[in-house]
Amino acid sequence: MVVSAVVAAASTYVAVTAKNAMDEQKRAQDRALEQQKIANQQAKEQAEAEAKRAEIAYNQANQQQPEVQAIISRSQEAATQGPAATVLTSGNTVNPLAQAVAKGKGKKSGGRGDSSGGSLLTGQVGVDPSALNLGGNSLLGN
């Protein structure tokens, strides 16, 4: 009986020692996994920061400048055509009566612009009414 008690105690000791070893191994694996997660997160943050720096460097190396001369040229061309045209740029969209008044001919009222009751916009010295016609039956159209 003493022998069986010793064998039982020895096997219990071996079993407890083996369990403790397995528990320690599991804790070591858990620590290693946690450290790997931290390392992966740091690597990800570093890669994102490097990508941002690379993008900034690329953008600095490839800066696009506006074509100022082309913009000015298009603006000047547009000013001589269409609704942007004025007496100074083309004279095409100004009321002929307004041109006559501007030259000092045929002005009948004292600065009101039109003796027939029109406004400065659509009267004798205003804009040609056909240039204001938007067409259709809108509030601003004919």
N, C-alpha and C. Protein backbone atom coordinates (compact mmCIF):
# COMPACT_ATOMS: atom_id res chain seq x y z
N MET A 1 0.78 -1.16 0.00
CA MET A 1 0.00 0.00 0.00
C MET A 1 0.85 1.26 0.00
N VAL A 2 1.92 1.20 0.66
CA VAL A 2 2.84 2.34 0.67
C VAL A 2 3.34 2.61 -0.74
N VAL A 3 3.57 1.56 -1.45
CA VAL A 3 4.09 1.72 -2.81
C VAL A 3 3.02 2.38 -3.67
N SER A 4 1.79 1.95 -3.55
CA SER A 4 0.75 2.54 -4.37
C SER A 4 0.51 4.00 -3.98
N ALA A 5 0.67 4.33 -2.71
CA ALA A 5 0.53 5.72 -2.28
C ALA A 5 1.65 6.56 -2.84
N VAL A 6 2.85 6.02 -2.88
CA VAL A 6 4.00 6.74 -3.43
C VAL A 6 3.81 6.92 -4.93
N VAL A 7 3.34 5.88 -5.59
CA VAL A 7 3.11 5.96 -7.04
C VAL A 7 2.01 6.99 -7.32
N ALA A 8 0.96 6.99 -6.53
CA ALA A 8 -0.13 7.95 -6.71
C ALA A 8 0.37 9.36 -6.46
N ALA A 9 1.18 9.56 -5.43
CA ALA A 9 1.73 10.89 -5.14
C ALA A 9 2.65 11.34 -6.25
N ALA A 10 3.46 10.40 -6.74
CA ALA A 10 4.39 10.73 -7.82
C ALA A 10 3.63 11.08 -9.09
N SER A 11 2.59 10.32 -9.41
CA SER A 11 1.82 10.62 -10.62
C SER A 11 1.05 11.93 -10.48
N THR A 12 0.57 12.23 -9.28
CA THR A 12 -0.09 13.51 -9.04
C THR A 12 0.91 14.65 -9.21
N TYR A 13 2.10 14.46 -8.67
CA TYR A 13 3.15 15.49 -8.81
C TYR A 13 3.48 15.69 -10.27
N VAL A 14 3.61 14.64 -11.04
CA VAL A 14 3.92 14.74 -12.48
C VAL A 14 2.78 15.43 -13.20
N ALA A 15 1.55 15.07 -12.85
CA ALA A 15 0.39 15.68 -13.51
C ALA A 15 0.31 17.18 -13.19
N VAL A 16 0.52 17.55 -11.94
CA VAL A 16 0.47 18.97 -11.55
C VAL A 16 1.61 19.73 -12.21
N THR A 17 2.80 19.12 -12.22
CA THR A 17 3.95 19.76 -12.86
C THR A 17 3.70 19.94 -14.35
N ALA A 18 3.13 18.95 -14.99
CA ALA A 18 2.84 19.04 -16.42
C ALA A 18 1.79 20.12 -16.68
N LYS A 19 0.75 20.18 -15.83
CA LYS A 19 -0.28 21.20 -15.99
C LYS A 19 0.32 22.59 -15.80
N ASN A 20 1.18 22.76 -14.79
CA ASN A 20 1.82 24.05 -14.56
C ASN A 20 2.69 24.43 -15.76
N ALA A 21 3.38 23.48 -16.33
CA ALA A 21 4.22 23.74 -17.49
C ALA A 21 3.36 24.17 -18.68
N MET A 22 2.23 23.47 -18.87
CA MET A 22 1.33 23.84 -19.97
C MET A 22 0.73 25.22 -19.74
N ASP A 23 0.36 25.54 -18.51
CA ASP A 23 -0.18 26.86 -18.20
C ASP A 23 0.87 27.94 -18.46
N GLU A 24 2.09 27.68 -18.05
CA GLU A 24 3.18 28.64 -18.29
C GLU A 24 3.42 28.82 -19.79
N GLN A 25 3.36 27.73 -20.53
CA GLN A 25 3.55 27.80 -21.98
C GLN A 25 2.42 28.61 -22.62
N LYS A 26 1.19 28.40 -22.16
CA LYS A 26 0.05 29.17 -22.69
C LYS A 26 0.21 30.65 -22.38
N ARG A 27 0.65 30.98 -21.16
CA ARG A 27 0.87 32.40 -20.79
C ARG A 27 1.96 33.00 -21.67
N ALA A 28 3.00 32.24 -21.95
CA ALA A 28 4.09 32.72 -22.80
C ALA A 28 3.57 32.96 -24.22
N GLN A 29 2.71 32.05 -24.72
CA GLN A 29 2.13 32.24 -26.04
C GLN A 29 1.23 33.46 -26.08
N ASP A 30 0.45 33.67 -25.03
CA ASP A 30 -0.43 34.85 -24.95
C ASP A 30 0.39 36.13 -24.94
N ARG A 31 1.50 36.15 -24.17
CA ARG A 31 2.37 37.33 -24.15
C ARG A 31 2.97 37.58 -25.52
N ALA A 32 3.42 36.51 -26.18
CA ALA A 32 4.01 36.65 -27.52
C ALA A 32 2.97 37.16 -28.52
N LEU A 33 1.74 36.68 -28.42
CA LEU A 33 0.67 37.13 -29.31
C LEU A 33 0.37 38.61 -29.08
N GLU A 34 0.32 39.02 -27.83
CA GLU A 34 0.07 40.43 -27.51
C GLU A 34 1.19 41.32 -28.05
N GLN A 35 2.43 40.88 -27.87
CA GLN A 35 3.56 41.65 -28.40
C GLN A 35 3.51 41.72 -29.92
N GLN A 36 3.08 40.64 -30.58
CA GLN A 36 2.96 40.64 -32.04
C GLN A 36 1.88 41.61 -32.49
N LYS A 37 0.77 41.67 -31.75
CA LYS A 37 -0.30 42.61 -32.09
C LYS A 37 0.20 44.04 -31.99
N ILE A 38 0.96 44.33 -30.93
CA ILE A 38 1.51 45.67 -30.74
C ILE A 38 2.48 46.00 -31.88
N ALA A 39 3.34 45.05 -32.22
CA ALA A 39 4.30 45.27 -33.31
C ALA A 39 3.58 45.49 -34.64
N ASN A 40 2.51 44.73 -34.90
CA ASN A 40 1.74 44.90 -36.12
C ASN A 40 1.09 46.28 -36.18
N GLN A 41 0.54 46.74 -35.07
CA GLN A 41 -0.09 48.06 -35.01
C GLN A 41 0.94 49.16 -35.27
N GLN A 42 2.12 49.03 -34.64
CA GLN A 42 3.17 50.02 -34.87
C GLN A 42 3.63 50.01 -36.32
N ALA A 43 3.75 48.84 -36.92
CA ALA A 43 4.16 48.75 -38.32
C ALA A 43 3.12 49.38 -39.23
N LYS A 44 1.84 49.17 -38.91
CA LYS A 44 0.76 49.76 -39.71
C LYS A 44 0.80 51.28 -39.62
N GLU A 45 0.96 51.81 -38.41
CA GLU A 45 1.02 53.27 -38.23
C GLU A 45 2.23 53.85 -38.95
N GLN A 46 3.35 53.15 -38.88
CA GLN A 46 4.56 53.62 -39.55
C GLN A 46 4.37 53.60 -41.07
N ALA A 47 3.73 52.56 -41.60
CA ALA A 47 3.49 52.48 -43.04
C ALA A 47 2.54 53.59 -43.50
N GLU A 48 1.51 53.88 -42.71
CA GLU A 48 0.59 54.96 -43.06
C GLU A 48 1.30 56.31 -43.05
N ALA A 49 2.14 56.53 -42.05
CA ALA A 49 2.89 57.79 -41.98
C ALA A 49 3.85 57.91 -43.17
N GLU A 50 4.49 56.82 -43.54
CA GLU A 50 5.41 56.84 -44.67
C GLU A 50 4.66 57.09 -45.97
N ALA A 51 3.48 56.50 -46.11
CA ALA A 51 2.67 56.73 -47.31
C ALA A 51 2.25 58.19 -47.40
N LYS A 52 1.90 58.78 -46.27
CA LYS A 52 1.52 60.20 -46.26
C LYS A 52 2.72 61.08 -46.64
N ARG A 53 3.89 60.76 -46.09
CA ARG A 53 5.09 61.53 -46.44
C ARG A 53 5.41 61.38 -47.93
N ALA A 54 5.24 60.18 -48.46
CA ALA A 54 5.52 59.96 -49.88
C ALA A 54 4.53 60.74 -50.75
N GLU A 55 3.28 60.78 -50.34
CA GLU A 55 2.29 61.54 -51.11
C GLU A 55 2.61 63.04 -51.09
N ILE A 56 2.99 63.53 -49.93
CA ILE A 56 3.36 64.96 -49.83
C ILE A 56 4.56 65.26 -50.70
N ALA A 57 5.56 64.39 -50.66
CA ALA A 57 6.76 64.59 -51.48
C ALA A 57 6.40 64.54 -52.97
N TYR A 58 5.53 63.60 -53.35
CA TYR A 58 5.11 63.50 -54.75
C TYR A 58 4.38 64.77 -55.18
N ASN A 59 3.45 65.24 -54.33
CA ASN A 59 2.70 66.45 -54.66
C ASN A 59 3.61 67.67 -54.76
N GLN A 60 4.61 67.75 -53.91
CA GLN A 60 5.54 68.87 -53.98
C GLN A 60 6.36 68.81 -55.26
N ALA A 61 6.75 67.60 -55.66
CA ALA A 61 7.56 67.46 -56.87
C ALA A 61 6.74 67.70 -58.12
N ASN A 62 5.45 67.47 -58.07
CA ASN A 62 4.61 67.60 -59.26
C ASN A 62 3.56 68.68 -59.10
N GLN A 63 3.94 69.82 -58.58
CA GLN A 63 2.99 70.91 -58.40
C GLN A 63 2.55 71.43 -59.76
N GLN A 64 1.26 71.67 -59.88
CA GLN A 64 0.74 72.21 -61.12
C GLN A 64 0.50 73.70 -60.94
N GLN A 65 0.99 74.46 -61.87
CA GLN A 65 0.81 75.90 -61.84
C GLN A 65 -0.33 76.28 -62.78
N PRO A 66 -1.16 77.24 -62.40
CA PRO A 66 -2.23 77.66 -63.30
C PRO A 66 -1.64 78.39 -64.50
N GLU A 67 -2.28 78.23 -65.64
CA GLU A 67 -1.84 78.91 -66.85
C GLU A 67 -2.47 80.30 -66.85
N VAL A 68 -1.82 81.22 -66.19
CA VAL A 68 -2.37 82.56 -65.98
C VAL A 68 -2.61 83.25 -67.30
N GLN A 69 -1.68 83.16 -68.23
CA GLN A 69 -1.81 83.84 -69.51
C GLN A 69 -3.02 83.31 -70.29
N ALA A 70 -3.24 81.99 -70.23
CA ALA A 70 -4.39 81.41 -70.93
C ALA A 70 -5.70 81.86 -70.29
N ILE A 71 -5.72 81.96 -68.98
CA ILE A 71 -6.93 82.42 -68.28
C ILE A 71 -7.24 83.86 -68.66
N ILE A 72 -6.23 84.69 -68.67
CA ILE A 72 -6.42 86.11 -69.03
C ILE A 72 -6.88 86.22 -70.47
N SER A 73 -6.28 85.43 -71.35
CA SER A 73 -6.65 85.46 -72.77
C SER A 73 -8.10 85.06 -72.96
N ARG A 74 -8.54 83.98 -72.31
CA ARG A 74 -9.94 83.56 -72.42
C ARG A 74 -10.88 84.62 -71.86
N SER A 75 -10.49 85.25 -70.78
CA SER A 75 -11.33 86.28 -70.17
C SER A 75 -11.45 87.48 -71.10
N GLN A 76 -10.35 87.88 -71.71
CA GLN A 76 -10.39 89.02 -72.63
C GLN A 76 -11.23 88.69 -73.86
N GLU A 77 -11.12 87.47 -74.34
CA GLU A 77 -11.90 87.07 -75.51
C GLU A 77 -13.39 87.04 -75.18
N ALA A 78 -13.74 86.54 -73.99
CA ALA A 78 -15.14 86.48 -73.58
C ALA A 78 -15.72 87.87 -73.39
N ALA A 79 -14.89 88.82 -73.00
CA ALA A 79 -15.37 90.18 -72.75
C ALA A 79 -15.75 90.89 -74.04
N THR A 80 -15.26 90.41 -75.16
CA THR A 80 -15.57 91.07 -76.43
C THR A 80 -16.76 90.41 -77.13
N GLN A 81 -17.35 89.39 -76.52
CA GLN A 81 -18.45 88.68 -77.16
C GLN A 81 -19.59 88.49 -76.18
N GLY A 82 -20.76 88.28 -76.71
CA GLY A 82 -21.91 87.90 -75.90
C GLY A 82 -22.33 88.93 -74.88
N PRO A 83 -22.98 88.47 -73.81
CA PRO A 83 -23.53 89.39 -72.82
C PRO A 83 -22.48 90.14 -72.02
N ALA A 84 -21.23 89.70 -72.07
CA ALA A 84 -20.19 90.40 -71.33
C ALA A 84 -19.65 91.60 -72.10
N ALA A 85 -20.01 91.74 -73.38
CA ALA A 85 -19.50 92.83 -74.21
C ALA A 85 -20.08 94.17 -73.75
N THR A 86 -19.29 95.20 -73.87
CA THR A 86 -19.71 96.55 -73.50
C THR A 86 -19.36 97.51 -74.62
N VAL A 87 -19.69 98.79 -74.44
CA VAL A 87 -19.35 99.81 -75.42
C VAL A 87 -17.84 99.84 -75.61
N LEU A 88 -17.11 99.61 -74.55
CA LEU A 88 -15.66 99.69 -74.64
C LEU A 88 -15.03 98.48 -75.31
N THR A 89 -15.69 97.33 -75.27
CA THR A 89 -15.07 96.13 -75.82
C THR A 89 -15.50 95.81 -77.23
N SER A 90 -16.80 95.93 -77.55
CA SER A 90 -17.19 95.58 -78.91
C SER A 90 -18.26 96.50 -79.48
N GLY A 91 -19.16 96.98 -78.67
CA GLY A 91 -20.22 97.85 -79.16
C GLY A 91 -21.33 97.09 -79.87
N ASN A 92 -21.26 95.78 -79.95
CA ASN A 92 -22.26 95.01 -80.69
C ASN A 92 -23.58 94.87 -79.94
N THR A 93 -23.58 94.87 -78.64
CA THR A 93 -24.81 94.62 -77.91
C THR A 93 -25.41 95.89 -77.30
N VAL A 94 -24.91 97.03 -77.67
CA VAL A 94 -25.42 98.28 -77.11
C VAL A 94 -26.51 98.83 -78.03
N ASN A 95 -27.54 99.37 -77.45
CA ASN A 95 -28.64 99.97 -78.19
C ASN A 95 -28.10 101.10 -79.07
N PRO A 96 -28.47 101.11 -80.35
CA PRO A 96 -27.99 102.17 -81.24
C PRO A 96 -28.38 103.56 -80.75
N LEU A 97 -29.55 103.68 -80.11
CA LEU A 97 -29.94 104.98 -79.56
C LEU A 97 -29.00 105.39 -78.43
N ALA A 98 -28.55 104.42 -77.66
CA ALA A 98 -27.62 104.74 -76.59
C ALA A 98 -26.30 105.21 -77.16
N GLN A 99 -25.88 104.63 -78.27
CA GLN A 99 -24.64 105.08 -78.91
C GLN A 99 -24.79 106.51 -79.42
N ALA A 100 -25.95 106.81 -79.97
CA ALA A 100 -26.18 108.16 -80.47
C ALA A 100 -26.16 109.16 -79.32
N VAL A 101 -26.77 108.81 -78.20
CA VAL A 101 -26.78 109.70 -77.04
C VAL A 101 -25.36 109.86 -76.50
N ALA A 102 -24.60 108.76 -76.49
CA ALA A 102 -23.24 108.83 -75.99
C ALA A 102 -22.38 109.74 -76.85
N LYS A 103 -22.72 109.83 -78.13
CA LYS A 103 -21.96 110.71 -79.03
C LYS A 103 -22.50 112.14 -79.00
N GLY A 104 -23.56 112.38 -78.21
CA GLY A 104 -24.09 113.73 -78.06
C GLY A 104 -25.21 114.04 -79.00
N LYS A 105 -25.77 113.07 -79.70
CA LYS A 105 -26.85 113.31 -80.67
C LYS A 105 -28.18 112.87 -80.08
N GLY A 106 -29.19 113.64 -80.24
CA GLY A 106 -30.56 113.25 -79.97
C GLY A 106 -30.93 113.06 -78.51
N LYS A 107 -30.20 113.59 -77.58
CA LYS A 107 -30.59 113.45 -76.19
C LYS A 107 -31.66 114.50 -75.90
N LYS A 108 -32.86 114.01 -75.51
CA LYS A 108 -34.00 114.91 -75.37
C LYS A 108 -34.36 115.21 -73.93
N SER A 109 -34.06 114.33 -73.02
CA SER A 109 -34.45 114.57 -71.63
C SER A 109 -33.23 114.95 -70.81
N GLY A 110 -33.47 115.47 -69.64
CA GLY A 110 -32.40 115.96 -68.80
C GLY A 110 -31.77 114.89 -67.92
N GLY A 111 -31.20 113.86 -68.50
CA GLY A 111 -30.49 112.86 -67.72
C GLY A 111 -31.34 111.68 -67.30
N ARG A 112 -32.64 111.74 -67.62
CA ARG A 112 -33.50 110.64 -67.24
C ARG A 112 -33.27 109.43 -68.12
N GLY A 113 -32.76 109.64 -69.30
CA GLY A 113 -32.43 108.54 -70.18
C GLY A 113 -33.42 108.34 -71.30
N ASP A 114 -34.69 108.55 -71.05
CA ASP A 114 -35.68 108.27 -72.08
C ASP A 114 -36.90 109.15 -71.83
N SER A 115 -37.27 109.94 -72.84
CA SER A 115 -38.42 110.83 -72.67
C SER A 115 -39.74 110.08 -72.79
N SER A 116 -39.73 108.81 -73.24
CA SER A 116 -40.97 108.06 -73.40
C SER A 116 -41.34 107.29 -72.14
N GLY A 117 -40.60 107.47 -71.06
CA GLY A 117 -40.96 106.83 -69.80
C GLY A 117 -40.21 105.54 -69.51
N GLY A 118 -39.27 105.13 -70.36
CA GLY A 118 -38.49 103.92 -70.11
C GLY A 118 -37.46 104.14 -69.02
N SER A 119 -36.87 103.10 -68.58
CA SER A 119 -35.84 103.21 -67.55
C SER A 119 -34.47 103.39 -68.20
N LEU A 120 -33.47 103.61 -67.38
CA LEU A 120 -32.11 103.72 -67.90
C LEU A 120 -31.65 102.40 -68.51
N LEU A 121 -32.21 101.30 -68.04
CA LEU A 121 -31.81 100.00 -68.57
C LEU A 121 -32.39 99.75 -69.96
N THR A 122 -33.69 100.04 -70.13
CA THR A 122 -34.34 99.70 -71.40
C THR A 122 -34.73 100.93 -72.21
N GLY A 123 -34.43 102.09 -71.72
CA GLY A 123 -34.83 103.31 -72.43
C GLY A 123 -33.89 103.65 -73.56
N GLN A 124 -33.89 104.92 -73.94
CA GLN A 124 -33.14 105.40 -75.09
C GLN A 124 -31.64 105.21 -74.91
N VAL A 125 -31.14 105.29 -73.69
CA VAL A 125 -29.69 105.14 -73.46
C VAL A 125 -29.34 103.79 -72.85
N GLY A 126 -30.30 102.90 -72.78
CA GLY A 126 -30.06 101.61 -72.13
C GLY A 126 -29.62 100.53 -73.10
N VAL A 127 -29.80 99.32 -72.67
CA VAL A 127 -29.42 98.15 -73.44
C VAL A 127 -30.52 97.84 -74.45
N ASP A 128 -30.13 97.34 -75.59
CA ASP A 128 -31.08 96.94 -76.62
C ASP A 128 -32.03 95.90 -76.04
N PRO A 129 -33.36 96.13 -76.09
CA PRO A 129 -34.32 95.18 -75.49
C PRO A 129 -34.20 93.77 -76.07
N SER A 130 -33.79 93.64 -77.32
CA SER A 130 -33.66 92.29 -77.89
C SER A 130 -32.53 91.51 -77.21
N ALA A 131 -31.55 92.21 -76.66
CA ALA A 131 -30.48 91.53 -75.94
C ALA A 131 -30.96 91.02 -74.58
N LEU A 132 -32.07 91.59 -74.08
CA LEU A 132 -32.62 91.17 -72.79
C LEU A 132 -33.67 90.09 -72.92
N ASN A 133 -34.11 89.80 -74.13
CA ASN A 133 -35.18 88.82 -74.33
C ASN A 133 -34.67 87.43 -74.02
N LEU A 134 -35.28 86.79 -73.04
CA LEU A 134 -34.90 85.44 -72.66
C LEU A 134 -35.74 84.40 -73.37
N GLY A 135 -36.77 84.83 -74.05
CA GLY A 135 -37.63 83.90 -74.76
C GLY A 135 -38.60 83.22 -73.81
N GLY A 136 -39.61 82.61 -74.36
CA GLY A 136 -40.58 81.89 -73.54
C GLY A 136 -41.48 82.84 -72.77
N ASN A 137 -42.19 82.28 -71.83
CA ASN A 137 -43.14 83.07 -71.05
C ASN A 137 -42.67 83.17 -69.61
N SER A 138 -41.42 83.40 -69.40
CA SER A 138 -40.92 83.55 -68.03
C SER A 138 -41.21 84.96 -67.55
N LEU A 139 -41.01 85.19 -66.30
CA LEU A 139 -41.24 86.52 -65.75
C LEU A 139 -40.27 87.53 -66.34
N LEU A 140 -39.08 87.05 -66.73
CA LEU A 140 -38.09 87.96 -67.28
C LEU A 140 -38.15 88.02 -68.80
N GLY A 141 -38.81 87.04 -69.44
CA GLY A 141 -38.91 87.01 -70.89
C GLY A 141 -39.93 87.99 -71.39
N ASN A 142 -40.03 88.15 -72.70
CA ASN A 142 -40.88 89.13 -73.36
C ASN A 142 -42.15 89.34 -72.66
